[in-house]
Amino acid sequence: MTATLSSLALESDLAFVRAAYYRFLSRVFSYPRAGLAEILREELPTAALSQLWEGAAADEVQSAVEAVGRELRDATDEELETCHVQTFGHTISETFPPHETRYGSSHPFQETQDLADVSAFYGAFGLRVKPGAGERVDHAWLELEFVHFLAVKQLLALERGETEGAERTLEAARGFLKDHIGRWGPVFGEILAKKAPSSLHQAYGALLAAVLKADVKRLGVTPGQVSAEPIPIPPEPEASDEEETEEHESSGCGA
């Protein structure tokens, strides 16, 4: 079927809006660096862009982005970093874990499979997490950055008239939303919106949930179900007396 000019224009507009929102969200969930406060103020999507998602979902995005704008109005880089550490800590957060596998992988083998699937999505587009990035592939900011990448790639394909390439890229985005960030991201966002210790991250969480819900609806995606709360990290198994004895005997340095 040949796409009409009007439908291509709508696809391009939606791809632009999705790229703008996902770029912004990927930034807010990354570790704050120098200059981030000003970057976020400059890149805050205008509320009018949300109307591409249509209806009540668009209204929720618009309300959420306005709330984030109010929080960022006078924020400094130091305040952003303080709020980030207060919410997520310096290690894996137990209360607000920003990792996909904490919402759906209660078994180590399932977690390994989920991480491999995320990496496979990245790899299919020639992407990989840089060594030393300091985060796992299932971190929220990396998954959001990937969806931003796909939206930009789709937009460029549409501008070049490569409709088949644009559709393949959009299908990849649909698949990633269905199996990954669109599945657990709204739960993560809602938990932040209700329980985050800072009003800034409450606003971030509400925006994340609103954007993902609006996007999956607009794209006709039905994400899988995940846990309504983060899955606790299982405690390390206690060593038996025999194992402790063996460890003790082998722990010394050789002469």
Protein backbone atom coordinates (compact mmCIF):
# COMPACT_ATOMS: atom_id res chain seq x y z
CA MET A 1 0.00 0.00 0.00
CA THR A 2 1.37 3.39 -0.96
CA ALA A 3 1.44 5.85 1.91
CA THR A 4 -0.22 9.20 1.30
CA LEU A 5 1.60 12.48 1.83
CA SER A 6 -0.67 13.30 4.78
CA SER A 7 -0.01 9.97 6.48
CA LEU A 8 3.75 10.34 5.96
CA ALA A 9 3.60 13.82 7.45
CA LEU A 10 1.77 12.47 10.49
CA GLU A 11 4.31 9.66 10.89
CA SER A 12 7.16 12.17 10.68
CA ASP A 13 5.52 14.45 13.23
CA LEU A 14 4.97 11.58 15.64
CA ALA A 15 8.53 10.31 15.19
CA PHE A 16 9.81 13.82 15.95
CA VAL A 17 7.70 14.08 19.11
CA ARG A 18 8.73 10.61 20.27
CA ALA A 19 12.41 11.42 19.67
CA ALA A 20 12.12 14.65 21.67
CA TYR A 21 10.41 13.05 24.66
CA TYR A 22 12.61 9.95 24.80
CA ARG A 23 15.79 12.01 24.52
CA PHE A 24 14.61 14.14 27.43
CA LEU A 25 13.64 11.13 29.53
CA SER A 26 16.94 9.37 28.86
CA ARG A 27 18.73 12.45 30.16
CA VAL A 28 16.71 12.76 33.36
CA PHE A 29 17.39 9.14 34.33
CA SER A 30 21.13 9.29 33.61
CA TYR A 31 23.57 10.31 36.34
CA PRO A 32 23.58 14.14 36.48
CA ARG A 33 26.67 15.73 34.97
CA ALA A 34 27.83 19.34 34.89
CA GLY A 35 25.51 21.49 32.82
CA LEU A 36 22.57 19.07 32.90
CA ALA A 37 20.15 21.48 34.59
CA GLU A 38 20.44 23.99 31.75
CA ILE A 39 20.30 21.25 29.09
CA LEU A 40 17.06 19.92 30.57
CA ARG A 41 15.49 23.37 30.65
CA GLU A 42 16.45 23.88 27.01
CA GLU A 43 15.27 20.44 25.86
CA LEU A 44 12.07 20.26 27.90
CA PRO A 45 9.46 19.28 25.29
CA THR A 46 6.75 21.85 24.79
CA ALA A 47 3.41 20.73 26.16
CA ALA A 48 1.84 21.23 22.72
CA LEU A 49 3.92 18.37 21.29
CA SER A 50 2.03 15.91 23.51
CA GLN A 51 -1.15 16.36 21.46
CA LEU A 52 0.24 14.00 18.80
CA TRP A 53 -0.64 11.19 21.21
CA GLU A 54 -4.30 12.28 21.26
CA GLY A 55 -7.05 12.24 23.88
CA ALA A 56 -6.74 11.76 27.61
CA ALA A 57 -3.27 10.24 27.25
CA ALA A 58 -2.03 13.44 25.63
CA ASP A 59 -3.54 15.51 28.43
CA GLU A 60 -1.70 13.40 31.03
CA VAL A 61 1.61 13.92 29.21
CA GLN A 62 0.98 17.64 28.96
CA SER A 63 0.18 17.93 32.67
CA ALA A 64 3.25 15.85 33.59
CA VAL A 65 5.67 17.82 31.43
CA GLU A 66 4.40 21.08 32.89
CA ALA A 67 5.05 19.71 36.40
CA VAL A 68 8.61 18.76 35.42
CA GLY A 69 9.11 22.23 33.99
CA ARG A 70 8.12 23.80 37.29
CA GLU A 71 10.57 21.57 39.18
CA LEU A 72 13.43 22.41 36.81
CA ARG A 73 12.80 26.16 36.69
CA ASP A 74 15.38 27.09 39.33
CA ALA A 75 17.17 23.76 39.76
CA THR A 76 20.98 23.67 39.87
CA ASP A 77 23.32 20.87 38.83
CA GLU A 78 24.13 20.24 42.48
CA GLU A 79 20.45 19.87 43.35
CA LEU A 80 19.91 17.44 40.49
CA GLU A 81 22.78 15.27 41.68
CA THR A 82 21.61 15.39 45.30
CA CYS A 83 18.09 14.34 44.32
CA HIS A 84 19.44 11.57 42.09
CA VAL A 85 21.63 10.09 44.83
CA GLN A 86 18.85 10.51 47.39
CA THR A 87 16.51 8.51 45.15
CA PHE A 88 18.78 5.87 43.60
CA GLY A 89 21.85 5.84 45.83
CA HIS A 90 25.35 4.96 44.64
CA THR A 91 24.59 1.25 44.28
CA ILE A 92 21.52 -0.69 43.13
CA SER A 93 18.46 0.85 44.78
CA GLU A 94 16.18 -1.48 46.71
CA THR A 95 13.22 0.91 46.75
CA PHE A 96 13.42 2.49 43.28
CA PRO A 97 15.56 0.18 41.12
CA PRO A 98 15.90 1.67 37.61
CA HIS A 99 16.61 -1.75 36.06
CA GLU A 100 14.17 -3.83 34.03
CA THR A 101 15.09 -7.18 35.52
CA ARG A 102 14.08 -6.03 39.01
CA TYR A 103 10.46 -5.96 37.81
CA GLY A 104 10.18 -9.29 36.08
CA SER A 105 13.11 -11.64 36.67
CA SER A 106 12.80 -13.56 39.92
CA HIS A 107 15.07 -16.33 38.61
CA PRO A 108 18.75 -15.80 37.69
CA PHE A 109 18.33 -17.70 34.40
CA GLN A 110 15.39 -15.47 33.40
CA GLU A 111 17.41 -12.38 34.28
CA THR A 112 20.25 -13.57 32.07
CA GLN A 113 17.82 -14.19 29.23
CA ASP A 114 16.22 -10.75 29.61
CA LEU A 115 19.60 -9.01 29.61
CA ALA A 116 20.65 -10.97 26.53
CA ASP A 117 17.44 -9.97 24.73
CA VAL A 118 17.99 -6.27 25.49
CA SER A 119 21.58 -6.56 24.23
CA ALA A 120 20.32 -8.30 21.08
CA PHE A 121 18.00 -5.38 20.32
CA TYR A 122 20.93 -2.97 20.69
CA GLY A 123 23.22 -5.19 18.64
CA ALA A 124 20.72 -5.49 15.78
CA PHE A 125 21.32 -1.76 15.16
CA GLY A 126 25.08 -1.90 15.70
CA LEU A 127 24.90 -0.55 19.24
CA ARG A 128 26.47 -1.72 22.46
CA VAL A 129 27.03 -0.25 25.89
CA LYS A 130 30.48 1.29 26.10
CA PRO A 131 32.92 -0.48 28.41
CA GLY A 132 33.14 1.53 31.62
CA ALA A 133 29.67 3.05 31.20
CA GLY A 134 28.97 1.91 34.74
CA GLU A 135 25.44 0.64 34.05
CA ARG A 136 23.81 -2.59 32.97
CA VAL A 137 22.08 -2.77 29.60
CA ASP A 138 18.64 -2.82 31.27
CA HIS A 139 19.03 0.55 33.02
CA ALA A 140 16.15 2.93 32.33
CA TRP A 141 18.27 5.65 30.75
CA LEU A 142 19.87 3.21 28.30
CA GLU A 143 16.57 1.67 27.24
CA LEU A 144 15.02 5.13 26.84
CA GLU A 145 18.03 6.29 24.84
CA PHE A 146 17.58 3.29 22.53
CA VAL A 147 13.94 4.18 21.85
CA HIS A 148 15.09 7.74 21.12
CA PHE A 149 17.67 6.35 18.69
CA LEU A 150 14.99 4.32 16.90
CA ALA A 151 12.68 7.34 16.63
CA VAL A 152 15.46 9.45 15.10
CA LYS A 153 16.36 6.63 12.71
CA GLN A 154 12.71 6.34 11.64
CA LEU A 155 12.45 10.11 11.16
CA LEU A 156 15.56 10.20 8.97
CA ALA A 157 14.26 7.30 6.86
CA LEU A 158 10.95 9.10 6.32
CA GLU A 159 12.73 12.29 5.31
CA ARG A 160 14.70 10.30 2.71
CA GLY A 161 11.56 8.62 1.40
CA GLU A 162 12.68 5.20 2.67
CA THR A 163 9.24 4.10 3.85
CA GLU A 164 10.12 0.40 4.18
CA GLY A 165 13.17 1.18 6.31
CA ALA A 166 11.09 3.54 8.44
CA GLU A 167 8.48 0.84 9.00
CA ARG A 168 11.10 -1.76 9.97
CA THR A 169 12.55 0.66 12.49
CA LEU A 170 9.11 1.42 13.91
CA GLU A 171 8.40 -2.30 14.21
CA ALA A 172 11.63 -2.70 16.20
CA ALA A 173 10.47 0.11 18.50
CA ARG A 174 7.11 -1.61 18.94
CA GLY A 175 8.87 -4.86 19.82
CA PHE A 176 11.16 -3.16 22.33
CA LEU A 177 8.26 -1.35 23.97
CA LYS A 178 6.23 -4.56 24.14
CA ASP A 179 8.97 -6.70 25.66
CA HIS A 180 11.04 -4.17 27.56
CA ILE A 181 10.72 -0.47 28.51
CA GLY A 182 7.00 -0.24 27.69
CA ARG A 183 6.41 -3.24 29.95
CA TRP A 184 8.19 -2.22 33.14
CA GLY A 185 8.76 1.51 32.67
CA PRO A 186 5.20 2.61 33.59
CA VAL A 187 5.39 0.62 36.85
CA PHE A 188 8.77 2.14 37.68
CA GLY A 189 7.44 5.60 36.86
CA GLU A 190 4.32 5.20 38.98
CA ILE A 191 6.35 4.01 41.97
CA LEU A 192 8.57 7.08 41.67
CA ALA A 193 5.54 9.37 41.28
CA LYS A 194 4.06 8.05 44.52
CA LYS A 195 7.08 7.36 46.71
CA ALA A 196 10.22 9.16 45.49
CA PRO A 197 11.84 11.23 48.25
CA SER A 198 12.10 14.34 46.05
CA SER A 199 9.30 16.18 44.27
CA LEU A 200 11.62 16.36 41.23
CA HIS A 201 11.76 12.57 40.85
CA GLN A 202 8.06 12.31 41.56
CA ALA A 203 7.54 14.58 38.56
CA TYR A 204 10.05 12.57 36.49
CA GLY A 205 8.23 9.35 37.35
CA ALA A 206 4.81 10.75 36.42
CA LEU A 207 6.16 11.94 33.07
CA LEU A 208 7.82 8.60 32.33
CA ALA A 209 4.61 6.68 33.06
CA ALA A 210 2.46 9.12 31.06
CA VAL A 211 4.72 9.07 27.99
CA LEU A 212 5.07 5.29 27.89
CA LYS A 213 1.35 4.70 28.34
CA ALA A 214 0.52 7.25 25.63
CA ASP A 215 3.14 5.82 23.28
CA VAL A 216 2.15 2.16 23.52
CA LYS A 217 -1.48 3.15 22.99
CA ARG A 218 -0.67 5.32 19.97
CA LEU A 219 1.50 2.58 18.43
CA GLY A 220 -0.99 -0.21 19.15
CA VAL A 221 1.34 -2.11 21.48
CA THR A 222 0.15 -4.39 24.28
CA PRO A 223 3.06 -4.83 26.70
CA GLY A 224 3.47 -7.91 28.85
CA GLN A 225 2.75 -7.90 32.57
CA VAL A 226 5.37 -7.32 35.25
CA SER A 227 5.49 -7.22 39.04
CA ALA A 228 3.70 -4.23 40.58
CA GLU A 229 6.65 -3.82 42.97
CA PRO A 230 10.40 -4.39 42.52
CA ILE A 231 11.45 -7.98 43.08
CA PRO A 232 13.77 -8.13 46.12
CA ILE A 233 17.33 -9.19 45.47
CA PRO A 234 17.64 -12.67 46.98
CA PRO A 235 20.16 -12.92 49.84
CA GLU A 236 23.42 -14.68 49.20
CA PRO A 237 23.20 -18.33 50.32
CA GLU A 238 24.95 -18.99 53.59
CA ALA A 239 28.05 -21.13 53.33
CA SER A 240 27.96 -24.52 55.03
CA ASP A 241 30.45 -25.37 57.81
CA GLU A 242 32.37 -27.54 55.34
CA GLU A 243 32.57 -24.73 52.75
CA GLU A 244 33.71 -22.25 55.43
CA THR A 245 36.45 -24.68 56.51
CA GLU A 246 37.63 -25.17 52.92
CA GLU A 247 37.64 -21.40 52.33
CA HIS A 248 39.62 -20.83 55.53
CA GLU A 249 42.20 -23.46 54.58
CA SER A 250 42.74 -22.05 51.09
CA SER A 251 42.71 -18.34 51.93
CA GLY A 252 46.34 -18.00 53.01
CA CYS A 253 49.15 -16.78 50.70
CA GLY A 254 51.58 -19.43 49.51
CA ALA A 255 55.10 -19.33 50.92
